[in-house]
C-alpha atoms as a PDB file:
ATOM      1  CA  MET A   1       9.468 -13.673  14.188  1.00  0.00           C
ATOM      2  CA  ALA A   2       7.363 -10.863  12.437  1.00  0.00           C
ATOM      3  CA  ILE A   3       4.456  -9.383  13.124  1.00  0.00           C
ATOM      4  CA  THR A   4       1.015 -10.650  13.895  1.00  0.00           C
ATOM      5  CA  ASN A   5      -1.155  -7.262  14.145  1.00  0.00           C
ATOM      6  CA  ARG A   6      -1.792  -4.613  12.252  1.00  0.00           C
ATOM      7  CA  TYR A   7      -1.499  -1.050  13.203  1.00  0.00           C
ATOM      8  CA  ASP A   8      -3.242   2.789  12.085  1.00  0.00           C
ATOM      9  CA  PHE A   9      -1.494   5.461  13.674  1.00  0.00           C
ATOM     10  CA  ILE A  10      -1.562   9.791  14.104  1.00  0.00           C
ATOM     11  CA  MET A  11       0.687  12.072  15.018  1.00  0.00           C
ATOM     12  CA  LEU A  12       0.148  15.908  16.244  1.00  0.00           C
ATOM     13  CA  PHE A  13       3.330  17.390  16.808  1.00  0.00           C
ATOM     14  CA  ASP A  14       3.604  20.965  16.094  1.00  0.00           C
ATOM     15  CA  VAL A  15       6.890  23.910  15.547  1.00  0.00           C
ATOM     16  CA  GLU A  16       7.195  27.466  16.996  1.00  0.00           C
ATOM     17  CA  ASN A  17       9.128  30.376  15.111  1.00  0.00           C
ATOM     18  CA  GLY A  18      10.572  27.582  12.717  1.00  0.00           C
ATOM     19  CA  ASN A  19      10.834  26.058   9.497  1.00  0.00           C
ATOM     20  CA  PRO A  20       9.594  22.448   9.519  1.00  0.00           C
ATOM     21  CA  ASN A  21      10.693  21.512   5.684  1.00  0.00           C
ATOM     22  CA  GLY A  22      11.539  24.025   3.468  1.00  0.00           C
ATOM     23  CA  ASP A  23      10.489  24.390  -0.397  1.00  0.00           C
ATOM     24  CA  PRO A  24      13.057  24.117  -2.654  1.00  0.00           C
ATOM     25  CA  ASP A  25      11.158  25.347  -5.193  1.00  0.00           C
ATOM     26  CA  ALA A  26       9.715  28.161  -3.082  1.00  0.00           C
ATOM     27  CA  GLY A  27      12.824  29.714  -2.110  1.00  0.00           C
ATOM     28  CA  ASN A  28      12.981  27.388   0.726  1.00  0.00           C
ATOM     29  CA  THR A  29       9.698  28.462   2.582  1.00  0.00           C
ATOM     30  CA  PRO A  30       7.835  26.670   4.614  1.00  0.00           C
ATOM     31  CA  ARG A  31       5.733  24.366   2.431  1.00  0.00           C
ATOM     32  CA  MET A  32       2.117  25.461   1.624  1.00  0.00           C
ATOM     33  CA  ASP A  33      -1.077  24.605  -0.765  1.00  0.00           C
ATOM     34  CA  ALA A  34      -1.300  27.614  -2.252  1.00  0.00           C
ATOM     35  CA  GLU A  35      -5.254  27.299  -2.949  1.00  0.00           C
ATOM     36  CA  THR A  36      -5.877  26.894   0.794  1.00  0.00           C
ATOM     37  CA  GLY A  37      -3.009  28.299   2.939  1.00  0.00           C
ATOM     38  CA  TYR A  38      -2.280  24.857   4.917  1.00  0.00           C
ATOM     39  CA  GLY A  39       1.323  23.542   5.670  1.00  0.00           C
ATOM     40  CA  TYR A  40       2.225  20.528   4.788  1.00  0.00           C
ATOM     41  CA  ILE A  41       5.319  18.357   5.380  1.00  0.00           C
ATOM     42  CA  THR A  42       6.812  15.446   3.153  1.00  0.00           C
ATOM     43  CA  ASP A  43       6.509  12.126   4.244  1.00  0.00           C
ATOM     44  CA  VAL A  44      10.268  12.503   3.478  1.00  0.00           C
ATOM     45  CA  CYS A  45      10.949  14.759   6.542  1.00  0.00           C
ATOM     46  CA  LEU A  46       9.096  12.792   8.532  1.00  0.00           C
ATOM     47  CA  LYS A  47      10.678   9.224   7.804  1.00  0.00           C
ATOM     48  CA  ARG A  48      14.599  11.279   7.817  1.00  0.00           C
ATOM     49  CA  LYS A  49      13.805  11.799  10.895  1.00  0.00           C
ATOM     50  CA  ILE A  50      12.437   8.396  12.026  1.00  0.00           C
ATOM     51  CA  ARG A  51      15.456   6.841  10.191  1.00  0.00           C
ATOM     52  CA  ASN A  52      18.401   9.570  12.460  1.00  0.00           C
ATOM     53  CA  PHE A  53      16.861   8.500  15.282  1.00  0.00           C
ATOM     54  CA  VAL A  54      16.784   5.366  14.648  1.00  0.00           C
ATOM     55  CA  GLU A  55      21.059   6.087  13.944  1.00  0.00           C
ATOM     56  CA  LEU A  56      21.694   7.361  17.170  1.00  0.00           C
ATOM     57  CA  ALA A  57      19.684   5.145  19.647  1.00  0.00           C
ATOM     58  CA  LYS A  58      20.716   2.020  18.058  1.00  0.00           C
ATOM     59  CA  GLU A  59      24.542   2.567  16.613  1.00  0.00           C
ATOM     60  CA  GLY A  60      26.999  -0.108  16.383  1.00  0.00           C
ATOM     61  CA  GLU A  61      24.164  -2.782  16.782  1.00  0.00           C
ATOM     62  CA  SER A  62      23.614  -5.484  14.235  1.00  0.00           C
ATOM     63  CA  GLY A  63      20.249  -5.333  12.129  1.00  0.00           C
ATOM     64  CA  TYR A  64      19.384  -1.129  12.776  1.00  0.00           C
ATOM     65  CA  ASN A  65      21.916  -0.494  10.172  1.00  0.00           C
ATOM     66  CA  ILE A  66      19.916   2.404   8.506  1.00  0.00           C
ATOM     67  CA  LEU A  67      20.209   2.449   3.870  1.00  0.00           C
ATOM     68  CA  VAL A  68      18.949   5.823   3.724  1.00  0.00           C
ATOM     69  CA  LYS A  69      21.817   8.013   4.128  1.00  0.00           C
ATOM     70  CA  PRO A  70      24.760  10.562   2.772  1.00  0.00           C
ATOM     71  CA  ASP A  71      28.008   8.128   3.958  1.00  0.00           C
ATOM     72  CA  LYS A  72      28.146   5.944   0.844  1.00  0.00           C
ATOM     73  CA  ALA A  73      26.677   5.367  -2.266  1.00  0.00           C
ATOM     74  CA  LEU A  74      23.889   3.148  -2.132  1.00  0.00           C
ATOM     75  CA  ASN A  75      25.159   0.509  -4.398  1.00  0.00           C
ATOM     76  CA  THR A  76      28.254   0.240  -2.777  1.00  0.00           C
ATOM     77  CA  ARG A  77      25.668  -1.474  -0.027  1.00  0.00           C
ATOM     78  CA  PHE A  78      24.419  -3.496  -2.458  1.00  0.00           C
ATOM     79  CA  ALA A  79      27.628  -5.135  -3.590  1.00  0.00           C
ATOM     80  CA  GLU A  80      28.383  -5.931  -0.030  1.00  0.00           C
ATOM     81  CA  ALA A  81      25.138  -7.671   0.740  1.00  0.00           C
ATOM     82  CA  TYR A  82      26.319 -10.095  -2.207  1.00  0.00           C
ATOM     83  CA  ASP A  83      30.195 -10.476  -0.588  1.00  0.00           C
ATOM     84  CA  ALA A  84      28.377 -11.196   2.844  1.00  0.00           C
ATOM     85  CA  GLU A  85      26.384 -13.505   1.139  1.00  0.00           C
ATOM     86  CA  GLN A  86      29.284 -15.104  -0.495  1.00  0.00           C
ATOM     87  CA  LEU A  87      27.153 -14.407  -4.531  1.00  0.00           C
ATOM     88  CA  GLU A  88      28.768 -13.064  -7.615  1.00  0.00           C
ATOM     89  CA  LYS A  89      28.807  -9.586  -8.099  1.00  0.00           C
ATOM     90  CA  GLY A  90      28.576  -7.445 -11.233  1.00  0.00           C
ATOM     91  CA  LYS A  91      26.789 -10.086 -13.778  1.00  0.00           C
ATOM     92  CA  LYS A  92      22.655  -7.938 -13.112  1.00  0.00           C
ATOM     93  CA  LYS A  93      21.654  -9.480 -16.811  1.00  0.00           C
ATOM     94  CA  ASP A  94      22.161 -13.243 -16.012  1.00  0.00           C
ATOM     95  CA  ARG A  95      20.969 -12.511 -12.692  1.00  0.00           C
ATOM     96  CA  LYS A  96      18.850 -15.079 -11.177  1.00  0.00           C
ATOM     97  CA  ALA A  97      15.637 -14.943  -8.735  1.00  0.00           C
ATOM     98  CA  GLU A  98      17.015 -16.795  -6.240  1.00  0.00           C
ATOM     99  CA  GLU A  99      19.979 -14.713  -5.542  1.00  0.00           C
ATOM    100  CA  ILE A 100      18.627 -11.550  -5.903  1.00  0.00           C
ATOM    101  CA  GLU A 101      15.920 -12.568  -3.467  1.00  0.00           C
ATOM    102  CA  LYS A 102      18.939 -13.762  -0.944  1.00  0.00           C
ATOM    103  CA  ALA A 103      20.451 -10.169  -1.286  1.00  0.00           C
ATOM    104  CA  ARG A 104      17.493  -8.784  -0.444  1.00  0.00           C
ATOM    105  CA  ASN A 105      16.693 -11.091   2.518  1.00  0.00           C
ATOM    106  CA  TYR A 106      20.537  -9.701   4.018  1.00  0.00           C
ATOM    107  CA  MET A 107      19.016  -5.629   3.812  1.00  0.00           C
ATOM    108  CA  CYS A 108      15.207  -7.033   5.306  1.00  0.00           C
ATOM    109  CA  ARG A 109      17.889  -9.059   8.210  1.00  0.00           C
ATOM    110  CA  ASN A 110      20.582  -5.433   8.490  1.00  0.00           C
ATOM    111  CA  TYR A 111      18.654  -2.293   7.697  1.00  0.00           C
ATOM    112  CA  PHE A 112      16.135  -1.038   9.621  1.00  0.00           C
ATOM    113  CA  ASP A 113      14.710   1.268   6.871  1.00  0.00           C
ATOM    114  CA  VAL A 114      14.713  -1.240   4.776  1.00  0.00           C
ATOM    115  CA  ARG A 115      11.950  -3.087   6.971  1.00  0.00           C
ATOM    116  CA  ALA A 116      10.320  -0.530   8.055  1.00  0.00           C
ATOM    117  CA  PHE A 117      10.215   1.424   5.272  1.00  0.00           C
ATOM    118  CA  GLY A 118      10.808  -0.479   2.292  1.00  0.00           C
ATOM    119  CA  ALA A 119      13.117   0.173  -0.584  1.00  0.00           C
ATOM    120  CA  VAL A 120      14.336   0.450  -4.625  1.00  0.00           C
ATOM    121  CA  MET A 121      17.400  -1.737  -4.568  1.00  0.00           C
ATOM    122  CA  SER A 122      18.107  -2.513  -8.806  1.00  0.00           C
ATOM    123  CA  THR A 123      19.608  -0.671  -9.332  1.00  0.00           C
ATOM    124  CA  GLY A 124      23.940  -1.169 -10.161  1.00  0.00           C
ATOM    125  CA  ASP A 125      25.128  -4.704 -11.231  1.00  0.00           C
ATOM    126  CA  ASN A 126      24.330  -6.119  -8.034  1.00  0.00           C
ATOM    127  CA  PRO A 127      20.772  -5.349  -7.142  1.00  0.00           C
ATOM    128  CA  CYS A 128      18.839  -6.609  -4.263  1.00  0.00           C
ATOM    129  CA  GLY A 129      15.317  -6.023  -5.551  1.00  0.00           C
ATOM    130  CA  ILE A 130      12.543  -3.306  -5.213  1.00  0.00           C
ATOM    131  CA  VAL A 131      10.631  -4.087  -1.481  1.00  0.00           C
ATOM    132  CA  ARG A 132       7.344  -2.288  -0.045  1.00  0.00           C
ATOM    133  CA  GLY A 133       7.890  -1.137   3.815  1.00  0.00           C
ATOM    134  CA  PRO A 134       4.827  -2.109   5.875  1.00  0.00           C
ATOM    135  CA  VAL A 135       5.044   1.405   6.962  1.00  0.00           C
ATOM    136  CA  GLN A 136       4.194   4.340   5.454  1.00  0.00           C
ATOM    137  CA  ILE A 137       3.543   7.683   6.661  1.00  0.00           C
ATOM    138  CA  THR A 138       1.356  10.324   4.979  1.00  0.00           C
ATOM    139  CA  PHE A 139       1.916  14.307   4.377  1.00  0.00           C
ATOM    140  CA  ALA A 140       1.595  15.750   7.618  1.00  0.00           C
ATOM    141  CA  ARG A 141      -1.149  19.307   6.930  1.00  0.00           C
ATOM    142  CA  SER A 142      -1.911  22.235   9.553  1.00  0.00           C
ATOM    143  CA  LEU A 143      -4.987  21.852  11.457  1.00  0.00           C
ATOM    144  CA  SER A 144      -5.410  25.906  10.348  1.00  0.00           C
ATOM    145  CA  PRO A 145      -3.916  27.788   7.532  1.00  0.00           C
ATOM    146  CA  ILE A 146      -0.294  28.867   8.512  1.00  0.00           C
ATOM    147  CA  THR A 147       1.420  32.585   7.869  1.00  0.00           C
ATOM    148  CA  ILE A 148       4.624  32.517   6.426  1.00  0.00           C
ATOM    149  CA  GLU A 149       6.477  35.098   7.764  1.00  0.00           C
ATOM    150  CA  ASP A 150      10.475  36.934   6.259  1.00  0.00           C
ATOM    151  CA  VAL A 151      12.456  37.588   9.325  1.00  0.00           C
ATOM    152  CA  THR A 152      14.986  40.394   8.522  1.00  0.00           C
ATOM    153  CA  ILE A 153      18.289  39.150   9.523  1.00  0.00           C
ATOM    154  CA  THR A 154      22.358  40.355  10.242  1.00  0.00           C
ATOM    155  CA  ARG A 155      25.652  38.707   9.624  1.00  0.00           C
ATOM    156  CA  GLN A 156      28.565  40.198  10.988  1.00  0.00           C
ATOM    157  CA  ALA A 157      31.043  37.519   8.935  1.00  0.00           C
ATOM    158  CA  ARG A 158      31.996  38.211   5.370  1.00  0.00           C
ATOM    159  CA  THR A 159      33.109  34.822   3.059  1.00  0.00           C
ATOM    160  CA  THR A 160      35.230  37.096   0.781  1.00  0.00           C
ATOM    161  CA  GLU A 161      38.032  40.009   1.192  1.00  0.00           C
ATOM    162  CA  ASP A 162      36.211  41.602  -1.296  1.00  0.00           C
ATOM    163  CA  ARG A 163      32.516  41.502  -0.009  1.00  0.00           C
ATOM    164  CA  GLN A 164      34.792  42.665   3.744  1.00  0.00           C
ATOM    165  CA  GLU A 165      35.198  46.036   2.273  1.00  0.00           C
ATOM    166  CA  THR A 166      31.999  47.140   1.744  1.00  0.00           C
ATOM    167  CA  GLY A 167      31.050  47.439   4.983  1.00  0.00           C
ATOM    168  CA  GLY A 168      30.502  45.829   8.437  1.00  0.00           C
ATOM    169  CA  THR A 169      27.406  43.614   8.111  1.00  0.00           C
ATOM    170  CA  GLU A 170      24.911  42.441   5.306  1.00  0.00           C
ATOM    171  CA  MET A 171      21.163  41.407   4.836  1.00  0.00           C
ATOM    172  CA  GLY A 172      19.894  37.502   4.699  1.00  0.00           C
ATOM    173  CA  ARG A 173      16.550  36.602   5.553  1.00  0.00           C
ATOM    174  CA  LYS A 174      15.044  33.470   7.359  1.00  0.00           C
ATOM    175  CA  SER A 175      11.258  32.340   6.827  1.00  0.00           C
ATOM    176  CA  ILE A 176       9.334  30.725   9.809  1.00  0.00           C
ATOM    177  CA  ILE A 177       5.642  30.295  10.624  1.00  0.00           C
ATOM    178  CA  PRO A 178       5.179  31.876  13.405  1.00  0.00           C
ATOM    179  CA  TYR A 179       3.114  28.691  15.073  1.00  0.00           C
ATOM    180  CA  ALA A 180       1.234  25.451  13.371  1.00  0.00           C
ATOM    181  CA  LEU A 181      -0.033  22.765  14.071  1.00  0.00           C
ATOM    182  CA  TYR A 182       0.240  19.483  12.220  1.00  0.00           C
ATOM    183  CA  ARG A 183      -1.724  15.946  11.873  1.00  0.00           C
ATOM    184  CA  ALA A 184       0.013  13.459   9.737  1.00  0.00           C
ATOM    185  CA  GLU A 185      -1.308   9.521   9.647  1.00  0.00           C
ATOM    186  CA  GLY A 186       0.163   6.555   8.900  1.00  0.00           C
ATOM    187  CA  TYR A 187      -0.227   2.613   8.360  1.00  0.00           C
ATOM    188  CA  ILE A 188       1.931  -1.164   9.891  1.00  0.00           C
ATOM    189  CA  SER A 189       1.079  -3.884   7.650  1.00  0.00           C
ATOM    190  CA  ALA A 190       1.632  -7.250   9.106  1.00  0.00           C
ATOM    191  CA  ALA A 191       1.233  -9.151   5.827  1.00  0.00           C
ATOM    192  CA  LEU A 192       3.511  -7.118   3.946  1.00  0.00           C
ATOM    193  CA  ALA A 193       6.229  -7.698   7.203  1.00  0.00           C
ATOM    194  CA  GLN A 194       5.741 -11.722   6.978  1.00  0.00           C
ATOM    195  CA  LYS A 195       5.351 -12.087   3.398  1.00  0.00           C
ATOM    196  CA  VAL A 196       8.979  -9.958   2.731  1.00  0.00           C
ATOM    197  CA  THR A 197      10.289  -7.201   5.184  1.00  0.00           C
ATOM    198  CA  GLY A 198      10.237  -9.457   9.456  1.00  0.00           C
ATOM    199  CA  LEU A 199       9.564  -5.939  10.726  1.00  0.00           C
ATOM    200  CA  SER A 200       9.213  -7.399  14.404  1.00  0.00           C
ATOM    201  CA  ASP A 201       7.039  -6.565  17.416  1.00  0.00           C
ATOM    202  CA  ASP A 202      11.111  -4.697  18.680  1.00  0.00           C
ATOM    203  CA  ASP A 203      11.147  -2.561  15.512  1.00  0.00           C
ATOM    204  CA  VAL A 204       7.380  -1.653  15.922  1.00  0.00           C
ATOM    205  CA  GLU A 205       8.569  -0.441  20.217  1.00  0.00           C
ATOM    206  CA  LEU A 206      11.419   0.742  18.088  1.00  0.00           C
ATOM    207  CA  LEU A 207       9.609   2.971  16.174  1.00  0.00           C
ATOM    208  CA  TRP A 208       6.967   4.228  18.927  1.00  0.00           C
ATOM    209  CA  ASP A 209      10.133   5.869  20.115  1.00  0.00           C
ATOM    210  CA  ALA A 210      11.368   7.354  17.206  1.00  0.00           C
ATOM    211  CA  ILE A 211       8.554   9.286  16.204  1.00  0.00           C
ATOM    212  CA  VAL A 212       8.031  10.175  20.223  1.00  0.00           C
ATOM    213  CA  ASN A 213      11.509  11.129  20.194  1.00  0.00           C
ATOM    214  CA  MET A 214      11.584  12.253  16.437  1.00  0.00           C
ATOM    215  CA  PHE A 215      12.483  16.205  17.191  1.00  0.00           C
ATOM    216  CA  GLU A 216      14.186  15.745  19.969  1.00  0.00           C
ATOM    217  CA  ASN A 217      17.476  15.138  18.508  1.00  0.00           C
ATOM    218  CA  ASP A 218      16.817  17.068  15.614  1.00  0.00           C
ATOM    219  CA  HIS A 219      16.490  20.950  17.303  1.00  0.00           C
ATOM    220  CA  SER A 220      17.691  23.873  15.231  1.00  0.00           C
ATOM    221  CA  ALA A 221      17.947  27.628  14.533  1.00  0.00           C
ATOM    222  CA  ALA A 222      15.889  26.956  11.136  1.00  0.00           C
ATOM    223  CA  ARG A 223      12.710  24.411  12.245  1.00  0.00           C
ATOM    224  CA  GLY A 224      12.225  26.269  15.760  1.00  0.00           C
ATOM    225  CA  LYS A 225      10.680  24.777  18.305  1.00  0.00           C
ATOM    226  CA  MET A 226       9.392  21.609  16.971  1.00  0.00           C
ATOM    227  CA  CYS A 227       7.314  18.681  19.714  1.00  0.00           C
ATOM    228  CA  MET A 228       5.554  15.929  18.868  1.00  0.00           C
ATOM    229  CA  ARG A 229       2.583  16.291  20.874  1.00  0.00           C
ATOM    230  CA  LYS A 230      -0.258  13.400  20.674  1.00  0.00           C
ATOM    231  CA  LEU A 231       0.920   9.802  18.805  1.00  0.00           C
ATOM    232  CA  TYR A 232      -2.436   7.891  18.712  1.00  0.00           C
ATOM    233  CA  ILE A 233      -1.687   3.899  17.959  1.00  0.00           C
ATOM    234  CA  PHE A 234      -4.888   1.815  17.183  1.00  0.00           C
ATOM    235  CA  LYS A 235      -4.187  -1.516  17.167  1.00  0.00           C
ATOM    236  CA  HIS A 236      -5.644  -4.390  15.311  1.00  0.00           C
ATOM    237  CA  ASP A 237      -6.426  -8.208  16.558  1.00  0.00           C
ATOM    238  CA  SER A 238      -5.615  -9.407  13.627  1.00  0.00           C
ATOM    239  CA  THR A 239      -3.067  -9.325  10.756  1.00  0.00           C
ATOM    240  CA  LEU A 240      -4.948  -7.750   8.273  1.00  0.00           C
ATOM    241  CA  GLY A 241      -7.357  -5.544  10.649  1.00  0.00           C
ATOM    242  CA  ASN A 242     -11.050  -4.970  12.408  1.00  0.00           C
ATOM    243  CA  CYS A 243     -11.626  -2.242  10.711  1.00  0.00           C
ATOM    244  CA  PRO A 244     -10.723   0.350   8.390  1.00  0.00           C
ATOM    245  CA  SER A 245      -7.939   3.018   8.720  1.00  0.00           C
ATOM    246  CA  HIS A 246     -10.534   6.315   7.786  1.00  0.00           C
ATOM    247  CA  VAL A 247     -12.922   5.144  10.832  1.00  0.00           C
ATOM    248  CA  LEU A 248      -9.758   4.883  13.791  1.00  0.00           C
ATOM    249  CA  PHE A 249      -8.669   8.190  12.180  1.00  0.00           C
ATOM    250  CA  ASP A 250     -12.007  10.192  12.463  1.00  0.00           C
ATOM    251  CA  LYS A 251     -12.475   9.299  16.149  1.00  0.00           C
ATOM    252  CA  VAL A 252     -10.009  11.621  16.710  1.00  0.00           C
ATOM    253  CA  LYS A 253     -10.782  15.743  15.292  1.00  0.00           C
ATOM    254  CA  VAL A 254      -8.625  18.545  16.519  1.00  0.00           C
ATOM    255  CA  SER A 255     -10.100  22.121  16.219  1.00  0.00           C
ATOM    256  CA  LEU A 256      -8.910  25.521  17.361  1.00  0.00           C
ATOM    257  CA  LYS A 257     -11.324  27.233  20.635  1.00  0.00           C
ATOM    258  CA  GLU A 258     -11.568  30.280  19.287  1.00  0.00           C
ATOM    259  CA  GLU A 259     -11.246  31.752  15.502  1.00  0.00           C
ATOM    260  CA  LYS A 260      -8.392  33.775  15.817  1.00  0.00           C
ATOM    261  CA  PRO A 261      -4.523  32.776  14.833  1.00  0.00           C
ATOM    262  CA  SER A 262      -3.072  30.291  17.438  1.00  0.00           C
ATOM    263  CA  ARG A 263      -0.119  30.576  18.374  1.00  0.00           C
ATOM    264  CA  GLN A 264       0.430  27.990  20.942  1.00  0.00           C
ATOM    265  CA  PHE A 265      -0.783  24.110  21.890  1.00  0.00           C
ATOM    266  CA  ALA A 266      -3.205  25.238  24.607  1.00  0.00           C
ATOM    267  CA  ASP A 267      -5.324  26.941  21.489  1.00  0.00           C
ATOM    268  CA  TYR A 268      -6.625  23.668  20.533  1.00  0.00           C
ATOM    269  CA  THR A 269      -9.192  21.289  21.723  1.00  0.00           C
ATOM    270  CA  ILE A 270      -8.420  17.461  20.589  1.00  0.00           C
ATOM    271  CA  ASN A 271     -11.497  16.035  21.138  1.00  0.00           C
ATOM    272  CA  LEU A 272     -11.349  12.292  20.996  1.00  0.00           C
ATOM    273  CA  ASP A 273     -13.623   8.880  21.283  1.00  0.00           C
ATOM    274  CA  ASP A 274     -12.331   6.188  23.090  1.00  0.00           C
ATOM    275  CA  ALA A 275     -15.178   4.206  22.019  1.00  0.00           C
ATOM    276  CA  MET A 276     -13.362   1.572  19.926  1.00  0.00           C
ATOM    277  CA  PRO A 277     -14.349  -1.104  17.120  1.00  0.00           C
ATOM    278  CA  ASP A 278     -14.310  -5.413  17.868  1.00  0.00           C
ATOM    279  CA  GLY A 279     -11.169  -5.832  18.095  1.00  0.00           C
ATOM    280  CA  VAL A 280      -9.011  -2.677  18.074  1.00  0.00           C
ATOM    281  CA  THR A 281      -7.254  -1.464  21.072  1.00  0.00           C
ATOM    282  CA  LEU A 282      -6.466   2.440  21.155  1.00  0.00           C
ATOM    283  CA  ILE A 283      -2.703   3.086  22.668  1.00  0.00           C
ATOM    284  CA  GLU A 284      -2.346   6.877  23.530  1.00  0.00           C
ATOM    285  CA  LYS A 285       2.370   7.450  23.715  1.00  0.00           C
ATOM    286  CA  ILE A 286       1.877  11.302  24.782  1.00  0.00           C
END
């Protein structure tokens, strides 16, 4: 059964001596707003980590497959939906709307990320429609301007015989942020869940678990130390909501204790106004 409550939420997480989200247009250095110096992380990066956690936690369980991953072409998965629903494949031009809807509903039932984030599934000869997901996440933005440091490293292993003959080591580089605290905000529309994807209360609980643990199984040398520090959830008593989301987001304010470069989470103060509007409940997961 689809959810009946709207949700808004805030994520606070940090990185220490790492690159949380490299920018391919800037030599894969950490993403940064050139005008303000604040760092940012794309929504695509955050959703990737949620998908990865769900795949680990629900591996082999029906209804919790992940559509967006590199093992197969998307059109192949769309064709599998047509096979499962016993629909004729390969006639995109003459496809009936009822057939596309049937295939779309199959994808929503079987793929968690389609139920949550939606998907464009209109490509190929076996289209499954376009799904607007009820869960949307903003870009994360650092709470202070970031400093990007280029750290020189050495490599002893060479890739070719010719390079091996030039010496024992090679020089390399990695870009890191010494420390940054990021904030991202998100929304869950019960109206869209009921109308299209069928996102359930169990799915939402799984989403919270994925957000809390999104960095715990994603550690790497490049990303350094990343931790989810706070997850604030605003649960509305109604489908369409009881208060504008920006009013709720303004109830969580984060500031530096001292005007100096931050190097740890304790350098920040979180001021939380826990007086909620009528019909809204605050839930602190961390």
